[in-house]
C-alpha atoms as a PDB file:
ATOM      1  CA  UNK A   1       0.000   0.000   0.000  1.00  0.00           C
ATOM      2  CA  UNK A   2       1.209   3.488  -0.931  1.00  0.00           C
ATOM      3  CA  UNK A   3       1.017   6.125   1.784  1.00  0.00           C
ATOM      4  CA  UNK A   4       0.472   9.592   0.325  1.00  0.00           C
ATOM      5  CA  UNK A   5       1.072  12.630   2.584  1.00  0.00           C
ATOM      6  CA  UNK A   6      -0.233  15.810   0.966  1.00  0.00           C
ATOM      7  CA  UNK A   7       0.878  19.197   2.335  1.00  0.00           C
ATOM      8  CA  UNK A   8       1.029  22.845   1.293  1.00  0.00           C
ATOM      9  CA  UNK A   9       3.428  25.658   2.099  1.00  0.00           C
ATOM     10  CA  UNK A  10       3.086  26.465   5.831  1.00  0.00           C
ATOM     11  CA  UNK A  11       0.663  23.590   6.546  1.00  0.00           C
ATOM     12  CA  UNK A  12       2.992  21.039   8.145  1.00  0.00           C
ATOM     13  CA  UNK A  13       5.559  20.142   5.493  1.00  0.00           C
ATOM     14  CA  UNK A  14       8.461  20.532   7.937  1.00  0.00           C
ATOM     15  CA  UNK A  15       6.712  18.461  10.614  1.00  0.00           C
ATOM     16  CA  UNK A  16       5.846  15.541   8.334  1.00  0.00           C
ATOM     17  CA  UNK A  17       9.291  15.614   6.709  1.00  0.00           C
ATOM     18  CA  UNK A  18      10.986  15.314  10.101  1.00  0.00           C
ATOM     19  CA  UNK A  19       8.657  12.527  11.258  1.00  0.00           C
ATOM     20  CA  UNK A  20       9.085  10.336   8.184  1.00  0.00           C
ATOM     21  CA  UNK A  21      12.801  11.040   7.836  1.00  0.00           C
ATOM     22  CA  UNK A  22      13.126   9.834  11.399  1.00  0.00           C
ATOM     23  CA  UNK A  23      11.184   6.671  10.613  1.00  0.00           C
ATOM     24  CA  UNK A  24      13.133   6.038   7.409  1.00  0.00           C
ATOM     25  CA  UNK A  25      16.404   6.149   9.329  1.00  0.00           C
ATOM     26  CA  UNK A  26      15.284   3.300  11.579  1.00  0.00           C
ATOM     27  CA  UNK A  27      12.660   1.356   9.653  1.00  0.00           C
ATOM     28  CA  UNK A  28      12.161  -0.383   6.356  1.00  0.00           C
ATOM     29  CA  UNK A  29      10.352   2.337   4.376  1.00  0.00           C
ATOM     30  CA  UNK A  30      11.048   4.114   1.122  1.00  0.00           C
ATOM     31  CA  UNK A  31      10.387   7.848   1.530  1.00  0.00           C
ATOM     32  CA  UNK A  32       9.791   9.677  -1.760  1.00  0.00           C
ATOM     33  CA  UNK A  33       9.783  13.437  -1.275  1.00  0.00           C
ATOM     34  CA  UNK A  34       8.206  15.456  -4.073  1.00  0.00           C
ATOM     35  CA  UNK A  35       9.684  18.914  -3.648  1.00  0.00           C
ATOM     36  CA  UNK A  36       8.764  20.138  -7.117  1.00  0.00           C
ATOM     37  CA  UNK A  37       5.428  20.374  -8.897  1.00  0.00           C
ATOM     38  CA  UNK A  38       4.461  17.047 -10.454  1.00  0.00           C
ATOM     39  CA  UNK A  39       1.272  16.460 -12.388  1.00  0.00           C
ATOM     40  CA  UNK A  40       0.945  12.687 -12.297  1.00  0.00           C
ATOM     41  CA  UNK A  41       2.257   9.541 -10.662  1.00  0.00           C
ATOM     42  CA  UNK A  42       3.957   8.401 -13.863  1.00  0.00           C
ATOM     43  CA  UNK A  43       6.750  10.835 -12.985  1.00  0.00           C
ATOM     44  CA  UNK A  44       7.590   8.966  -9.792  1.00  0.00           C
ATOM     45  CA  UNK A  45       6.587   5.349 -10.425  1.00  0.00           C
ATOM     46  CA  UNK A  46      10.215   4.434 -11.100  1.00  0.00           C
ATOM     47  CA  UNK A  47      11.009   5.429  -7.495  1.00  0.00           C
ATOM     48  CA  UNK A  48       8.688   2.810  -5.958  1.00  0.00           C
ATOM     49  CA  UNK A  49      10.423  -0.155  -4.317  1.00  0.00           C
ATOM     50  CA  UNK A  50       8.562  -3.461  -4.225  1.00  0.00           C
ATOM     51  CA  UNK A  51      10.335  -4.719  -1.100  1.00  0.00           C
ATOM     52  CA  UNK A  52       9.590  -1.655   1.042  1.00  0.00           C
ATOM     53  CA  UNK A  53       6.637   0.399   2.183  1.00  0.00           C
ATOM     54  CA  UNK A  54       6.488   3.441  -0.071  1.00  0.00           C
ATOM     55  CA  UNK A  55       5.628   6.791   1.505  1.00  0.00           C
ATOM     56  CA  UNK A  56       5.113   9.790  -0.779  1.00  0.00           C
ATOM     57  CA  UNK A  57       5.559  13.205   0.808  1.00  0.00           C
ATOM     58  CA  UNK A  58       3.837  15.521  -1.665  1.00  0.00           C
ATOM     59  CA  UNK A  59       4.981  18.956  -0.472  1.00  0.00           C
ATOM     60  CA  UNK A  60       3.072  20.910  -3.144  1.00  0.00           C
ATOM     61  CA  UNK A  61      -0.088  18.801  -2.984  1.00  0.00           C
ATOM     62  CA  UNK A  62       0.175  18.433  -6.732  1.00  0.00           C
ATOM     63  CA  UNK A  63      -0.389  14.697  -7.207  1.00  0.00           C
ATOM     64  CA  UNK A  64      -3.824  13.322  -8.002  1.00  0.00           C
ATOM     65  CA  UNK A  65      -4.348  10.068  -6.117  1.00  0.00           C
ATOM     66  CA  UNK A  66      -7.165   9.032  -8.462  1.00  0.00           C
ATOM     67  CA  UNK A  67      -4.448   8.351 -11.049  1.00  0.00           C
ATOM     68  CA  UNK A  68      -2.812   5.770  -8.799  1.00  0.00           C
ATOM     69  CA  UNK A  69      -5.123   2.999  -9.988  1.00  0.00           C
ATOM     70  CA  UNK A  70      -2.546   0.195 -10.046  1.00  0.00           C
ATOM     71  CA  UNK A  71      -1.717   0.439  -6.336  1.00  0.00           C
ATOM     72  CA  UNK A  72      -3.734   0.490  -3.131  1.00  0.00           C
ATOM     73  CA  UNK A  73      -3.253   3.890  -1.492  1.00  0.00           C
ATOM     74  CA  UNK A  74      -4.251   5.744   1.652  1.00  0.00           C
ATOM     75  CA  UNK A  75      -3.792   9.480   1.856  1.00  0.00           C
ATOM     76  CA  UNK A  76      -3.398  12.180   4.457  1.00  0.00           C
ATOM     77  CA  UNK A  77      -3.995  15.899   3.812  1.00  0.00           C
ATOM     78  CA  UNK A  78      -2.418  18.398   6.195  1.00  0.00           C
ATOM     79  CA  UNK A  79      -4.269  21.742   6.222  1.00  0.00           C
ATOM     80  CA  UNK A  80      -4.384  24.999   8.166  1.00  0.00           C
ATOM     81  CA  UNK A  81      -6.637  28.001   8.708  1.00  0.00           C
ATOM     82  CA  UNK A  82      -6.078  30.338   5.697  1.00  0.00           C
ATOM     83  CA  UNK A  83      -5.458  33.353   7.941  1.00  0.00           C
ATOM     84  CA  UNK A  84      -2.616  31.457   9.626  1.00  0.00           C
ATOM     85  CA  UNK A  85      -1.150  30.479   6.255  1.00  0.00           C
ATOM     86  CA  UNK A  86      -1.106  34.127   5.184  1.00  0.00           C
ATOM     87  CA  UNK A  87       0.298  35.350   8.489  1.00  0.00           C
ATOM     88  CA  UNK A  88       2.992  32.672   8.686  1.00  0.00           C
ATOM     89  CA  UNK A  89       3.934  32.966   4.986  1.00  0.00           C
ATOM     90  CA  UNK A  90       4.255  36.739   5.265  1.00  0.00           C
ATOM     91  CA  UNK A  91       6.662  36.469   8.206  1.00  0.00           C
ATOM     92  CA  UNK A  92       8.594  33.736   6.418  1.00  0.00           C
ATOM     93  CA  UNK A  93       8.865  35.444   3.033  1.00  0.00           C
ATOM     94  CA  UNK A  94      10.252  38.609   4.614  1.00  0.00           C
ATOM     95  CA  UNK A  95      13.412  36.685   5.508  1.00  0.00           C
ATOM     96  CA  UNK A  96      13.451  33.628   3.234  1.00  0.00           C
ATOM     97  CA  UNK A  97      16.529  32.558   1.317  1.00  0.00           C
ATOM     98  CA  UNK A  98      14.506  30.417  -1.095  1.00  0.00           C
ATOM     99  CA  UNK A  99      15.734  30.995  -4.627  1.00  0.00           C
ATOM    100  CA  UNK A 100      12.372  31.797  -6.243  1.00  0.00           C
ATOM    101  CA  UNK A 101      11.676  34.586  -3.737  1.00  0.00           C
ATOM    102  CA  UNK A 102      15.037  36.231  -4.344  1.00  0.00           C
ATOM    103  CA  UNK A 103      15.038  36.323  -8.138  1.00  0.00           C
ATOM    104  CA  UNK A 104      14.259  39.565 -10.040  1.00  0.00           C
ATOM    105  CA  UNK A 105      10.644  39.522 -11.178  1.00  0.00           C
ATOM    106  CA  UNK A 106       9.175  41.669 -13.950  1.00  0.00           C
ATOM    107  CA  UNK A 107       5.848  41.603 -12.132  1.00  0.00           C
ATOM    108  CA  UNK A 108       7.477  43.679  -9.400  1.00  0.00           C
ATOM    109  CA  UNK A 109       9.477  45.990 -11.706  1.00  0.00           C
ATOM    110  CA  UNK A 110      12.603  43.889 -11.404  1.00  0.00           C
ATOM    111  CA  UNK A 111      12.452  43.481  -7.647  1.00  0.00           C
ATOM    112  CA  UNK A 112      12.328  40.028  -6.119  1.00  0.00           C
ATOM    113  CA  UNK A 113       9.282  38.820  -4.223  1.00  0.00           C
ATOM    114  CA  UNK A 114      11.157  39.260  -0.950  1.00  0.00           C
ATOM    115  CA  UNK A 115      12.283  42.779  -1.846  1.00  0.00           C
ATOM    116  CA  UNK A 116       8.798  43.836  -2.902  1.00  0.00           C
ATOM    117  CA  UNK A 117       7.340  42.479   0.322  1.00  0.00           C
ATOM    118  CA  UNK A 118       9.944  44.236   2.452  1.00  0.00           C
ATOM    119  CA  UNK A 119       9.378  47.514   0.605  1.00  0.00           C
ATOM    120  CA  UNK A 120       5.792  47.727   1.805  1.00  0.00           C
ATOM    121  CA  UNK A 121       5.459  50.088   4.755  1.00  0.00           C
ATOM    122  CA  UNK A 122       2.900  48.419   7.006  1.00  0.00           C
ATOM    123  CA  UNK A 123       2.310  44.839   8.049  1.00  0.00           C
ATOM    124  CA  UNK A 124      -1.264  45.265   6.851  1.00  0.00           C
ATOM    125  CA  UNK A 125       0.049  45.960   3.341  1.00  0.00           C
ATOM    126  CA  UNK A 126       2.360  42.960   3.595  1.00  0.00           C
ATOM    127  CA  UNK A 127      -0.525  40.656   4.534  1.00  0.00           C
ATOM    128  CA  UNK A 128      -2.552  41.975   1.595  1.00  0.00           C
ATOM    129  CA  UNK A 129       0.345  41.449  -0.802  1.00  0.00           C
ATOM    130  CA  UNK A 130       0.923  37.902   0.436  1.00  0.00           C
ATOM    131  CA  UNK A 131      -2.713  36.855   0.115  1.00  0.00           C
ATOM    132  CA  UNK A 132      -2.835  38.249  -3.438  1.00  0.00           C
ATOM    133  CA  UNK A 133       0.332  36.486  -4.505  1.00  0.00           C
ATOM    134  CA  UNK A 134       2.151  33.451  -3.083  1.00  0.00           C
ATOM    135  CA  UNK A 135      -0.578  32.357  -0.679  1.00  0.00           C
ATOM    136  CA  UNK A 136      -3.433  32.803  -3.147  1.00  0.00           C
ATOM    137  CA  UNK A 137      -2.906  29.600  -5.138  1.00  0.00           C
ATOM    138  CA  UNK A 138      -1.892  27.689  -1.998  1.00  0.00           C
ATOM    139  CA  UNK A 139      -5.178  28.471  -0.287  1.00  0.00           C
ATOM    140  CA  UNK A 140      -7.221  27.764  -3.419  1.00  0.00           C
ATOM    141  CA  UNK A 141      -5.552  24.365  -3.808  1.00  0.00           C
ATOM    142  CA  UNK A 142      -6.001  23.561  -0.126  1.00  0.00           C
ATOM    143  CA  UNK A 143      -9.738  24.340  -0.251  1.00  0.00           C
ATOM    144  CA  UNK A 144     -10.114  22.139  -3.321  1.00  0.00           C
ATOM    145  CA  UNK A 145      -8.274  19.306  -1.572  1.00  0.00           C
ATOM    146  CA  UNK A 146     -10.484  19.614   1.517  1.00  0.00           C
ATOM    147  CA  UNK A 147     -13.475  18.715  -0.651  1.00  0.00           C
ATOM    148  CA  UNK A 148     -11.878  15.381  -1.580  1.00  0.00           C
ATOM    149  CA  UNK A 149     -13.267  12.647   0.666  1.00  0.00           C
ATOM    150  CA  UNK A 150     -10.480  10.239  -0.288  1.00  0.00           C
ATOM    151  CA  UNK A 151      -8.167  12.016   2.166  1.00  0.00           C
ATOM    152  CA  UNK A 152      -7.933  11.961   5.917  1.00  0.00           C
ATOM    153  CA  UNK A 153      -7.836  15.710   6.643  1.00  0.00           C
ATOM    154  CA  UNK A 154      -5.966  16.968   9.686  1.00  0.00           C
ATOM    155  CA  UNK A 155      -5.186  20.469  10.975  1.00  0.00           C
ATOM    156  CA  UNK A 156      -1.473  20.959  11.636  1.00  0.00           C
ATOM    157  CA  UNK A 157      -2.356  23.490  14.333  1.00  0.00           C
ATOM    158  CA  UNK A 158      -4.382  20.823  16.134  1.00  0.00           C
ATOM    159  CA  UNK A 159      -1.404  18.466  15.990  1.00  0.00           C
ATOM    160  CA  UNK A 160       0.917  21.234  17.145  1.00  0.00           C
ATOM    161  CA  UNK A 161      -1.047  21.945  20.320  1.00  0.00           C
ATOM    162  CA  UNK A 162      -2.644  18.621  21.347  1.00  0.00           C
ATOM    163  CA  UNK A 163      -0.425  16.957  23.941  1.00  0.00           C
ATOM    164  CA  UNK A 164      -2.847  14.000  23.987  1.00  0.00           C
ATOM    165  CA  UNK A 165      -2.090  13.459  20.277  1.00  0.00           C
ATOM    166  CA  UNK A 166      -5.624  12.366  19.349  1.00  0.00           C
ATOM    167  CA  UNK A 167      -5.159  13.086  15.632  1.00  0.00           C
ATOM    168  CA  UNK A 168      -1.826  11.278  15.604  1.00  0.00           C
ATOM    169  CA  UNK A 169      -3.435   8.212  17.196  1.00  0.00           C
ATOM    170  CA  UNK A 170      -6.113   8.246  14.478  1.00  0.00           C
ATOM    171  CA  UNK A 171      -3.470   8.717  11.786  1.00  0.00           C
ATOM    172  CA  UNK A 172      -1.601   5.656  13.071  1.00  0.00           C
ATOM    173  CA  UNK A 173      -4.676   3.582  12.236  1.00  0.00           C
ATOM    174  CA  UNK A 174      -5.535   5.370   9.000  1.00  0.00           C
ATOM    175  CA  UNK A 175      -2.068   4.965   7.482  1.00  0.00           C
ATOM    176  CA  UNK A 176      -1.615   1.432   8.873  1.00  0.00           C
ATOM    177  CA  UNK A 177       1.620   2.462  10.524  1.00  0.00           C
ATOM    178  CA  UNK A 178       1.603  -0.888  12.350  1.00  0.00           C
ATOM    179  CA  UNK A 179       2.760  -2.428   9.061  1.00  0.00           C
ATOM    180  CA  UNK A 180       6.034  -0.465   9.168  1.00  0.00           C
ATOM    181  CA  UNK A 181       8.892  -2.686  10.302  1.00  0.00           C
ATOM    182  CA  UNK A 182      12.520  -2.510  11.287  1.00  0.00           C
ATOM    183  CA  UNK A 183      15.007  -4.594   9.352  1.00  0.00           C
ATOM    184  CA  UNK A 184      14.554  -7.303  11.984  1.00  0.00           C
ATOM    185  CA  UNK A 185      10.788  -7.319  11.261  1.00  0.00           C
ATOM    186  CA  UNK A 186       9.938  -5.583  14.545  1.00  0.00           C
ATOM    187  CA  UNK A 187       6.730  -3.610  14.038  1.00  0.00           C
ATOM    188  CA  UNK A 188       6.184   0.064  14.859  1.00  0.00           C
ATOM    189  CA  UNK A 189       3.869   0.140  17.857  1.00  0.00           C
ATOM    190  CA  UNK A 190       1.591   3.088  18.468  1.00  0.00           C
ATOM    191  CA  UNK A 191       3.899   4.100  21.318  1.00  0.00           C
ATOM    192  CA  UNK A 192       6.907   4.259  19.009  1.00  0.00           C
ATOM    193  CA  UNK A 193       4.862   6.233  16.462  1.00  0.00           C
ATOM    194  CA  UNK A 194       3.802   8.775  19.069  1.00  0.00           C
ATOM    195  CA  UNK A 195       7.392   9.069  20.279  1.00  0.00           C
ATOM    196  CA  UNK A 196       8.534   9.827  16.729  1.00  0.00           C
ATOM    197  CA  UNK A 197       5.816  12.443  16.302  1.00  0.00           C
ATOM    198  CA  UNK A 198       5.981  14.091  19.731  1.00  0.00           C
ATOM    199  CA  UNK A 199       9.669  14.806  19.222  1.00  0.00           C
ATOM    200  CA  UNK A 200       8.627  17.242  16.483  1.00  0.00           C
ATOM    201  CA  UNK A 201       5.334  18.602  17.833  1.00  0.00           C
ATOM    202  CA  UNK A 202       5.595  22.295  18.631  1.00  0.00           C
ATOM    203  CA  UNK A 203       3.957  21.880  22.047  1.00  0.00           C
ATOM    204  CA  UNK A 204       6.938  19.706  22.946  1.00  0.00           C
ATOM    205  CA  UNK A 205       9.522  22.028  21.390  1.00  0.00           C
ATOM    206  CA  UNK A 206       8.933  25.607  22.607  1.00  0.00           C
ATOM    207  CA  UNK A 207      10.352  28.212  20.242  1.00  0.00           C
ATOM    208  CA  UNK A 208       9.216  31.813  20.156  1.00  0.00           C
ATOM    209  CA  UNK A 209       9.886  32.035  16.418  1.00  0.00           C
ATOM    210  CA  UNK A 210       7.001  29.701  15.628  1.00  0.00           C
ATOM    211  CA  UNK A 211       3.602  31.135  14.742  1.00  0.00           C
ATOM    212  CA  UNK A 212       1.727  28.391  16.573  1.00  0.00           C
ATOM    213  CA  UNK A 213       1.231  28.570  20.339  1.00  0.00           C
ATOM    214  CA  UNK A 214       3.480  26.391  22.448  1.00  0.00           C
ATOM    215  CA  UNK A 215       0.816  25.978  25.141  1.00  0.00           C
ATOM    216  CA  UNK A 216      -0.760  22.515  24.763  1.00  0.00           C
ATOM    217  CA  UNK A 217      -4.362  22.804  23.655  1.00  0.00           C
ATOM    218  CA  UNK A 218      -4.158  26.521  22.864  1.00  0.00           C
ATOM    219  CA  UNK A 219      -3.772  27.661  19.282  1.00  0.00           C
ATOM    220  CA  UNK A 220      -2.091  31.034  18.842  1.00  0.00           C
ATOM    221  CA  UNK A 221      -4.854  32.729  16.890  1.00  0.00           C
ATOM    222  CA  UNK A 222      -3.320  35.444  14.697  1.00  0.00           C
ATOM    223  CA  UNK A 223      -6.583  36.483  13.044  1.00  0.00           C
ATOM    224  CA  UNK A 224      -6.701  39.606  15.219  1.00  0.00           C
ATOM    225  CA  UNK A 225      -3.857  41.176  13.194  1.00  0.00           C
ATOM    226  CA  UNK A 226      -6.090  41.300  10.113  1.00  0.00           C
ATOM    227  CA  UNK A 227      -7.714  44.733   9.914  1.00  0.00           C
ATOM    228  CA  UNK A 228     -11.197  45.244   8.499  1.00  0.00           C
ATOM    229  CA  UNK A 229      -9.641  46.448   5.246  1.00  0.00           C
ATOM    230  CA  UNK A 230      -7.448  43.350   5.008  1.00  0.00           C
ATOM    231  CA  UNK A 231     -10.415  41.110   5.759  1.00  0.00           C
ATOM    232  CA  UNK A 232     -12.406  42.795   3.015  1.00  0.00           C
ATOM    233  CA  UNK A 233      -9.570  42.054   0.602  1.00  0.00           C
ATOM    234  CA  UNK A 234      -9.664  38.415   1.731  1.00  0.00           C
ATOM    235  CA  UNK A 235     -13.424  38.331   1.143  1.00  0.00           C
ATOM    236  CA  UNK A 236     -12.968  39.783  -2.352  1.00  0.00           C
ATOM    237  CA  UNK A 237     -10.267  37.256  -3.252  1.00  0.00           C
ATOM    238  CA  UNK A 238     -11.759  34.109  -1.721  1.00  0.00           C
ATOM    239  CA  UNK A 239     -15.487  34.754  -1.371  1.00  0.00           C
ATOM    240  CA  UNK A 240     -18.040  35.139   1.405  1.00  0.00           C
ATOM    241  CA  UNK A 241     -18.104  31.482   2.429  1.00  0.00           C
ATOM    242  CA  UNK A 242     -14.380  31.069   3.009  1.00  0.00           C
ATOM    243  CA  UNK A 243     -14.283  34.492   4.673  1.00  0.00           C
ATOM    244  CA  UNK A 244     -16.895  33.357   7.203  1.00  0.00           C
ATOM    245  CA  UNK A 245     -15.165  30.013   7.740  1.00  0.00           C
ATOM    246  CA  UNK A 246     -11.790  31.677   8.237  1.00  0.00           C
ATOM    247  CA  UNK A 247     -12.676  34.579  10.497  1.00  0.00           C
ATOM    248  CA  UNK A 248     -15.765  33.363  12.367  1.00  0.00           C
ATOM    249  CA  UNK A 249     -15.342  33.916  16.103  1.00  0.00           C
ATOM    250  CA  UNK A 250     -14.293  30.965  18.277  1.00  0.00           C
ATOM    251  CA  UNK A 251     -14.250  28.555  15.344  1.00  0.00           C
ATOM    252  CA  UNK A 252     -10.617  28.320  14.345  1.00  0.00           C
ATOM    253  CA  UNK A 253     -11.157  25.135  12.317  1.00  0.00           C
ATOM    254  CA  UNK A 254     -14.535  26.167  10.882  1.00  0.00           C
ATOM    255  CA  UNK A 255     -13.029  25.872   7.397  1.00  0.00           C
ATOM    256  CA  UNK A 256     -13.202  22.097   7.771  1.00  0.00           C
ATOM    257  CA  UNK A 257     -16.111  21.644  10.169  1.00  0.00           C
ATOM    258  CA  UNK A 258     -18.685  23.335   7.943  1.00  0.00           C
END
């Protein structure tokens, strides 16, 4: 069975990469990381190994699992509140060293994405720029993926703050992690799985640079930094429904619960 982990920028890619890299180092799995945009599984079929459990980490959420007709597959989709994506991406892109964000771009009169973002005077302007540009397609793709019932959908912010690891316990069953083995055929128990994951959960690794709260059970809700004008821009770009789901009071995960 193929395990397919689908993420987007700022929705848990780093977390899932660390977890499965850790497992690969100690267990008999074949981790295939898709760090570039791919349109179909034909591009990566040659990477599958018949004698190992194949795990695909799809960091751009670009693969369509309906094309994987020759193999049994179970999939996980890691999502996040759109306001948190925009907030986190804005902070990240102000300092990123990623090549694409530092290349001259005609769209910005020869400035790079990072330079254009830094040139804006207020954080409100920066949030507006981010939601119109890099985060726009990410959010659109994430919303489309959330409508696909073939995925187990999980909020990375819930994982980051739940010290009881309820979602991670459910994921253990959904992905059949119990089938993962060491070279000596020892199985991965749920305890080992939770140990792997908890080592990388933000509630267990306090760091003030993160945009998610380090207090177990408490999500750091950054929606308050969005002014009325910025929210109106969000509503214009993404529509009334997603606006309500994203900014509705006391319903941080309303985007998925509705």
